[in-house]
Amino acid sequence: MVGYLYTEPTEVTFLQWPTDHIGEAEGTIDSAAASGSPPNETVAADTGSFSVRIDGHSVTLQLGGHTDYGRLSGESLTLNVRQSDGSIRPVTYHRASSADYNNALATLRKTAAAANGRAQQDQQIKQEIQALGDDYATVGKYKGSLKDDVSTLASDVSTADDDLKTTHDDEKAVMAESSTSDASEVCVDADGVAVDADGVSVDADGASTDLGTLTDDLSVLRKTVSSLRSSLQAVQKDVPTYTGSDGQPTPADVDKAITGAHSFIADLVTQTNGVIDTINAYVTDAYGYAAAASKAGSCGSASAAPAPIEQVK
C-alpha cells in the first residue's frame, strides 16, 4: 500500500491506495479533526474512499464529489484542494505508513486532552478566586449586619428599661397606698403592676426574636470565616504566586479579615451576653415588683417570672 500523511495542529489526513504505478486505483482516506473550544474540545475520526489516477508525476483524486489535482515529487504529494470559499490551496502530504497515521492521531488526541485539562484548571482557578472574593465580601457584609442586630437589641433594652421604670413606679404607688386604701383598690393597682411586669416580659420576647436574627447572622459569619480560610488555601495551592487580581483580595487582606472577624465575634458575643443579662435582670426585677405589690395588698400569689433568655455561645 502507498500512503501519504498530512498533519496540522487541529487535523490529520491519511491517503492510501494499492500501488504507485501508473493507472487508476481505489483508495481510502482516514481523517480526524479537533472541534470545539477547551475545555470541551473533541476529536472526531472519519474514513472514506476515493478514486485516484496516476499519470507520471501527475495525480488526480476524485473525492467527496469533487476532483483535486496534484503532483508527486519524491516522498511528497501536493494536491491543489478547493476550499469552502472557492479558492484553491496547495496541501502537501508526505509518504507515511498506517503506524505514522496512528501516531499522528494519538498526538492530536493528546494535544486536545492537554488543552482541555489546562482550560479546566484555568476555569477551576477562576472559580476558586471568585469564591475567595465572595467569602471576603460576605465577611464584611455580615459584620455590618451584626452591628445592626446589636443596635436593635440595644433598642429592645431601652424599651424594657422604660417599662421597668413604669412597673417600679406603679409598685411604689401600691406600697404607699397599701396602708391607707381599701384592700380591693390596692389589689386592682397590684394587678396593674403585674400587667406592667408582663409588658417587660413581652419586651424580652421581642429581644429574644431579635436575638434569633443575630445568632443566625453570627452563624453565617463564622461559617464564612472558615470558608474564607479554605478558599485562600485552595487558591494558593493552585496558584502559589497568587497576590490578588482584578479587585480580589490579597493573602494579606484575607489574613487581616479573618483575624479581625475573630476579634469582632469575641467582642460581639461578650456584648450580646451583657445585653441578655440586662434584659433577664429587668424581667426578674419587674416580676419582683409585681410580687411585692401583690403581697402588700394581700392579693394572693403573683405570677412567676418566665425562664431567662439563654446566652450566646
Protein backbone atom coordinates (compact mmCIF):
# COMPACT_ATOMS: atom_id res chain seq x y z
CA MET A 1 0.00 0.00 0.00
CA VAL A 2 1.08 3.56 -0.74
CA GLY A 3 0.31 6.09 1.98
CA TYR A 4 0.59 9.86 2.31
CA LEU A 5 0.01 11.80 5.55
CA TYR A 6 -0.93 15.43 6.09
CA THR A 7 -0.88 16.97 9.56
CA GLU A 8 -1.60 20.33 11.12
CA PRO A 9 -2.33 21.32 14.74
CA THR A 10 -6.06 20.55 14.56
CA GLU A 11 -6.36 17.80 11.98
CA VAL A 12 -4.67 14.83 10.30
CA THR A 13 -5.45 13.16 6.96
CA PHE A 14 -4.08 9.88 5.62
CA LEU A 15 -4.48 8.76 1.99
CA GLN A 16 -3.80 5.16 0.89
CA TRP A 17 -4.04 3.26 -2.39
CA PRO A 18 -2.66 -0.10 -3.52
CA THR A 19 0.22 0.98 -5.80
CA ASP A 20 2.14 3.96 -7.06
CA HIS A 21 2.24 2.54 -10.60
CA ILE A 22 0.70 4.50 -13.43
CA GLY A 23 -3.02 3.87 -13.77
CA GLU A 24 -6.21 4.06 -11.78
CA ALA A 25 -6.94 2.67 -8.33
CA GLU A 26 -9.38 2.87 -5.46
CA GLY A 27 -8.07 4.30 -2.21
CA THR A 28 -9.15 5.05 1.35
CA ILE A 29 -8.98 8.26 3.32
CA ASP A 30 -8.73 8.35 7.10
CA SER A 31 -9.03 11.70 8.81
CA ALA A 32 -9.51 13.23 12.23
CA ALA A 33 -10.16 16.80 13.29
CA ALA A 34 -10.44 18.68 16.56
CA SER A 35 -13.53 20.82 17.10
CA GLY A 36 -14.94 22.96 19.84
CA SER A 37 -13.04 25.02 22.36
CA PRO A 38 -11.30 23.87 25.54
CA PRO A 39 -12.38 22.58 27.99
CA ASN A 40 -14.90 20.94 25.62
CA GLU A 41 -12.66 20.25 22.64
CA THR A 42 -13.23 16.88 20.96
CA VAL A 43 -11.51 14.87 18.25
CA ALA A 44 -13.67 13.02 15.72
CA ALA A 45 -12.27 10.48 13.26
CA ASP A 46 -13.78 9.52 9.90
CA THR A 47 -12.98 7.24 6.97
CA GLY A 48 -14.00 7.19 3.33
CA SER A 49 -12.96 6.16 -0.17
CA PHE A 50 -11.75 7.87 -3.32
CA SER A 51 -10.55 7.15 -6.84
CA VAL A 52 -7.01 8.03 -7.89
CA ARG A 53 -5.38 8.24 -11.34
CA ILE A 54 -1.60 8.45 -11.67
CA ASP A 55 -0.05 9.63 -14.89
CA GLY A 56 3.66 10.02 -14.42
CA HIS A 57 4.05 12.65 -11.71
CA SER A 58 0.50 13.89 -12.13
CA VAL A 59 -2.20 12.74 -9.73
CA THR A 60 -5.95 13.14 -9.96
CA LEU A 61 -8.19 12.35 -6.96
CA GLN A 62 -11.94 12.12 -7.10
CA LEU A 63 -13.11 12.52 -3.50
CA GLY A 64 -16.38 13.62 -1.92
CA GLY A 65 -17.98 14.78 -5.15
CA HIS A 66 -15.06 16.94 -6.28
CA THR A 67 -11.78 16.46 -8.12
CA ASP A 68 -8.37 17.51 -6.80
CA TYR A 69 -5.29 17.67 -8.99
CA GLY A 70 -1.76 17.30 -7.75
CA ARG A 71 1.79 16.18 -8.33
CA LEU A 72 4.12 13.55 -6.91
CA SER A 73 7.65 14.66 -6.09
CA GLY A 74 9.91 12.21 -4.30
CA GLU A 75 8.29 11.37 -0.96
CA SER A 76 5.72 14.15 -1.25
CA LEU A 77 2.29 14.55 -2.76
CA THR A 78 0.97 18.07 -3.28
CA LEU A 79 -2.74 18.42 -4.01
CA ASN A 80 -4.47 21.61 -5.07
CA VAL A 81 -7.52 21.44 -2.83
CA ARG A 82 -10.58 23.59 -3.41
CA GLN A 83 -11.64 25.39 -0.22
CA SER A 84 -15.16 26.20 1.01
CA ASP A 85 -14.76 29.80 -0.18
CA GLY A 86 -13.94 28.64 -3.70
CA SER A 87 -10.21 29.28 -3.50
CA ILE A 88 -7.61 26.62 -4.21
CA ARG A 89 -4.89 25.86 -1.67
CA PRO A 90 -1.91 23.56 -2.18
CA VAL A 91 -1.75 20.88 0.52
CA THR A 92 1.38 18.78 0.83
CA TYR A 93 1.27 15.20 2.08
CA HIS A 94 4.33 13.15 2.97
CA ARG A 95 4.95 9.46 2.45
CA ALA A 96 3.84 7.58 5.58
CA SER A 97 2.53 4.30 6.94
CA SER A 98 -0.58 3.38 8.87
CA ALA A 99 1.53 3.45 12.02
CA ASP A 100 2.52 7.04 11.25
CA TYR A 101 -1.15 7.96 10.94
CA ASN A 102 -1.98 6.24 14.22
CA ASN A 103 0.81 8.15 15.93
CA ALA A 104 -0.39 11.45 14.48
CA LEU A 105 -3.94 10.69 15.57
CA ALA A 106 -2.75 9.84 19.09
CA THR A 107 -0.81 13.12 19.20
CA LEU A 108 -3.86 15.08 18.08
CA ARG A 109 -5.99 13.49 20.80
CA LYS A 110 -3.28 14.03 23.40
CA THR A 111 -2.99 17.69 22.41
CA ALA A 112 -6.75 18.19 22.70
CA ALA A 113 -6.83 16.44 26.06
CA ALA A 114 -3.99 18.61 27.34
CA ALA A 115 -5.76 21.75 26.15
CA ASN A 116 -8.95 20.62 27.89
CA GLY A 117 -7.01 19.91 31.06
CA ARG A 118 -5.37 23.33 31.04
CA ALA A 119 -8.70 25.04 30.38
CA GLN A 120 -10.39 23.08 33.17
CA GLN A 121 -7.58 24.04 35.51
CA ASP A 122 -7.86 27.68 34.49
CA GLN A 123 -11.63 27.52 34.96
CA GLN A 124 -11.22 25.95 38.39
CA ILE A 125 -8.72 28.61 39.44
CA LYS A 126 -11.07 31.35 38.24
CA GLN A 127 -13.90 29.83 40.28
CA GLU A 128 -11.68 29.48 43.34
CA ILE A 129 -10.58 33.12 43.13
CA GLN A 130 -14.21 34.20 42.69
CA ALA A 131 -15.20 32.14 45.74
CA LEU A 132 -12.39 33.78 47.70
CA GLY A 133 -13.65 37.24 46.74
CA ASP A 134 -17.26 36.28 47.56
CA ASP A 135 -16.29 34.98 51.00
CA TYR A 136 -14.22 38.07 51.67
CA ALA A 137 -17.15 40.33 50.78
CA THR A 138 -19.59 38.23 52.82
CA VAL A 139 -17.46 38.58 55.95
CA GLY A 140 -17.67 42.35 55.66
CA LYS A 141 -21.38 42.23 54.88
CA TYR A 142 -22.30 40.15 57.92
CA LYS A 143 -20.13 42.19 60.26
CA GLY A 144 -22.27 45.14 59.20
CA SER A 145 -25.47 43.14 59.67
CA LEU A 146 -24.43 42.07 63.15
CA LYS A 147 -23.70 45.65 64.16
CA ASP A 148 -27.27 46.47 63.12
CA ASP A 149 -28.52 43.46 65.11
CA VAL A 150 -26.76 44.72 68.24
CA SER A 151 -28.27 48.17 67.73
CA THR A 152 -31.72 46.58 67.54
CA LEU A 153 -31.09 44.71 70.80
CA ALA A 154 -29.97 47.96 72.41
CA SER A 155 -33.30 49.48 71.37
CA ASP A 156 -35.09 46.49 72.96
CA VAL A 157 -33.20 47.12 76.19
CA SER A 158 -34.17 50.78 76.14
CA THR A 159 -37.85 49.88 75.73
CA ALA A 160 -37.66 47.30 78.52
CA ASP A 161 -35.91 49.82 80.75
CA ASP A 162 -38.73 52.33 80.27
CA ASP A 163 -41.35 49.67 81.00
CA LEU A 164 -39.42 48.52 84.06
CA LYS A 165 -39.41 52.08 85.41
CA THR A 166 -43.17 52.21 84.93
CA THR A 167 -43.52 48.90 86.75
CA HIS A 168 -41.38 50.16 89.62
CA ASP A 169 -43.26 53.47 89.87
CA ASP A 170 -46.59 51.64 89.96
CA GLU A 171 -45.22 49.22 92.55
CA LYS A 172 -44.13 52.11 94.76
CA ALA A 173 -47.58 53.65 94.44
CA VAL A 174 -49.17 50.39 95.59
CA MET A 175 -46.81 50.20 98.53
CA ALA A 176 -47.73 53.76 99.53
CA GLU A 177 -51.49 53.20 99.32
CA SER A 178 -51.47 49.78 100.94
CA SER A 179 -51.64 51.30 104.42
CA THR A 180 -54.35 53.85 103.64
CA SER A 181 -56.60 52.49 100.91
CA ASP A 182 -59.18 49.76 100.70
CA ALA A 183 -57.68 46.34 100.04
CA SER A 184 -59.71 45.83 96.89
CA GLU A 185 -58.38 49.06 95.41
CA VAL A 186 -54.86 48.07 96.33
CA CYS A 187 -55.29 44.71 94.59
CA VAL A 188 -56.60 46.40 91.46
CA ASP A 189 -53.48 48.52 91.35
CA ALA A 190 -51.35 45.48 92.20
CA ASP A 191 -52.87 43.74 89.17
CA GLY A 192 -51.76 46.78 87.16
CA VAL A 193 -48.21 46.21 88.34
CA ALA A 194 -48.49 42.57 87.21
CA VAL A 195 -49.63 43.80 83.79
CA ASP A 196 -46.63 46.14 83.73
CA ALA A 197 -44.37 43.19 84.52
CA ASP A 198 -45.92 41.20 81.69
CA GLY A 199 -45.12 44.16 79.44
CA VAL A 200 -41.46 43.88 80.37
CA SER A 201 -41.70 40.16 79.57
CA VAL A 202 -43.15 41.00 76.14
CA ASP A 203 -40.19 43.31 75.61
CA ALA A 204 -37.93 40.38 76.47
CA ASP A 205 -39.78 38.21 73.95
CA GLY A 206 -39.12 40.81 71.29
CA ALA A 207 -35.47 40.88 72.25
CA SER A 208 -35.39 37.08 72.04
CA THR A 209 -36.77 37.24 68.49
CA ASP A 210 -34.19 39.84 67.52
CA LEU A 211 -31.55 37.71 69.19
CA GLY A 212 -32.56 34.86 66.86
CA THR A 213 -31.71 37.06 63.88
CA LEU A 214 -28.38 37.93 65.48
CA THR A 215 -27.47 34.30 66.13
CA ASP A 216 -28.40 33.35 62.55
CA ASP A 217 -26.15 36.11 61.21
CA LEU A 218 -23.40 35.10 63.62
CA SER A 219 -23.60 31.51 62.39
CA VAL A 220 -23.23 32.66 58.78
CA LEU A 221 -20.25 34.84 59.68
CA ARG A 222 -18.49 32.01 61.49
CA LYS A 223 -19.02 29.63 58.58
CA THR A 224 -17.88 32.23 56.07
CA VAL A 225 -14.71 32.97 58.03
CA SER A 226 -13.88 29.27 57.93
CA SER A 227 -14.74 29.13 54.23
CA LEU A 228 -12.57 32.19 53.58
CA ARG A 229 -9.52 30.45 55.00
CA SER A 230 -10.25 27.31 52.95
CA SER A 231 -10.78 29.40 49.80
CA LEU A 232 -7.41 31.09 50.21
CA GLN A 233 -5.69 27.74 50.74
CA ALA A 234 -7.32 26.35 47.59
CA VAL A 235 -6.17 29.33 45.52
CA GLN A 236 -2.62 29.23 46.89
CA LYS A 237 -2.42 25.50 46.21
CA ASP A 238 -3.20 26.01 42.52
CA VAL A 239 -1.52 29.42 42.21
CA PRO A 240 1.38 29.57 44.71
CA THR A 241 2.28 33.06 43.46
CA TYR A 242 -1.23 34.49 43.94
CA THR A 243 -1.11 38.09 45.15
CA GLY A 244 -4.63 39.23 44.34
CA SER A 245 -6.01 40.22 40.95
CA ASP A 246 -8.90 42.08 39.31
CA GLY A 247 -10.01 43.63 42.57
CA GLN A 248 -9.83 40.36 44.51
CA PRO A 249 -8.28 40.37 47.99
CA THR A 250 -4.60 39.68 48.56
CA PRO A 251 -3.48 36.98 51.03
CA ALA A 252 -2.66 39.78 53.48
CA ASP A 253 -6.18 41.18 53.06
CA VAL A 254 -7.66 37.76 53.80
CA ASP A 255 -5.49 37.19 56.88
CA LYS A 256 -6.45 40.61 58.21
CA ALA A 257 -10.15 39.93 57.56
CA ILE A 258 -10.00 36.58 59.37
CA THR A 259 -8.14 37.97 62.37
CA GLY A 260 -10.47 40.95 62.53
CA ALA A 261 -13.54 38.72 62.27
CA HIS A 262 -12.42 36.50 65.15
CA SER A 263 -11.86 39.56 67.34
CA PHE A 264 -15.19 41.04 66.22
CA ILE A 265 -17.04 37.82 67.06
CA ALA A 266 -15.49 37.58 70.53
CA ASP A 267 -16.43 41.18 71.34
CA LEU A 268 -19.89 40.71 69.87
CA VAL A 269 -20.61 37.63 71.98
CA THR A 270 -19.46 39.42 75.14
CA GLN A 271 -21.55 42.49 74.32
CA THR A 272 -24.63 40.46 73.41
CA ASN A 273 -24.46 38.35 76.54
CA GLY A 274 -24.24 41.56 78.57
CA VAL A 275 -27.46 42.72 76.89
CA ILE A 276 -29.10 39.36 77.64
CA ASP A 277 -28.08 39.60 81.30
CA THR A 278 -29.57 43.09 81.47
CA ILE A 279 -32.91 42.04 79.94
CA ASN A 280 -33.12 38.96 82.15
CA ALA A 281 -32.47 41.15 85.19
CA TYR A 282 -35.19 43.57 84.07
CA VAL A 283 -37.71 40.73 83.84
CA THR A 284 -36.70 39.38 87.25
CA ASP A 285 -36.98 42.84 88.80
CA ALA A 286 -40.34 43.51 87.13
CA TYR A 287 -41.89 40.32 88.47
CA GLY A 288 -40.31 41.03 91.82
CA TYR A 289 -42.09 44.39 91.87
CA ALA A 290 -45.34 42.66 90.94
CA ALA A 291 -44.88 40.13 93.74
CA ALA A 292 -44.14 42.88 96.25
CA ALA A 293 -47.23 44.83 95.20
CA SER A 294 -49.42 41.72 95.47
CA LYS A 295 -48.03 40.92 98.89
CA ALA A 296 -48.56 44.48 100.13
CA GLY A 297 -52.25 44.21 99.38
CA SER A 298 -52.51 40.56 100.43
CA CYS A 299 -53.77 39.88 96.92
CA GLY A 300 -52.56 36.32 96.57
CA SER A 301 -49.59 34.85 94.77
CA ALA A 302 -48.17 36.79 91.84
CA SER A 303 -47.07 35.10 88.62
CA ALA A 304 -43.51 33.81 88.49
CA ALA A 305 -41.02 35.31 86.08
CA PRO A 306 -40.63 33.40 82.78
CA ALA A 307 -37.46 31.44 82.01
CA PRO A 308 -34.49 33.66 81.25
CA ILE A 309 -33.07 34.10 77.75
CA GLU A 310 -30.09 31.81 77.14
CA GLN A 311 -26.74 33.36 76.42
CA VAL A 312 -25.00 33.26 73.06
CA LYS A 313 -22.09 30.91 72.68
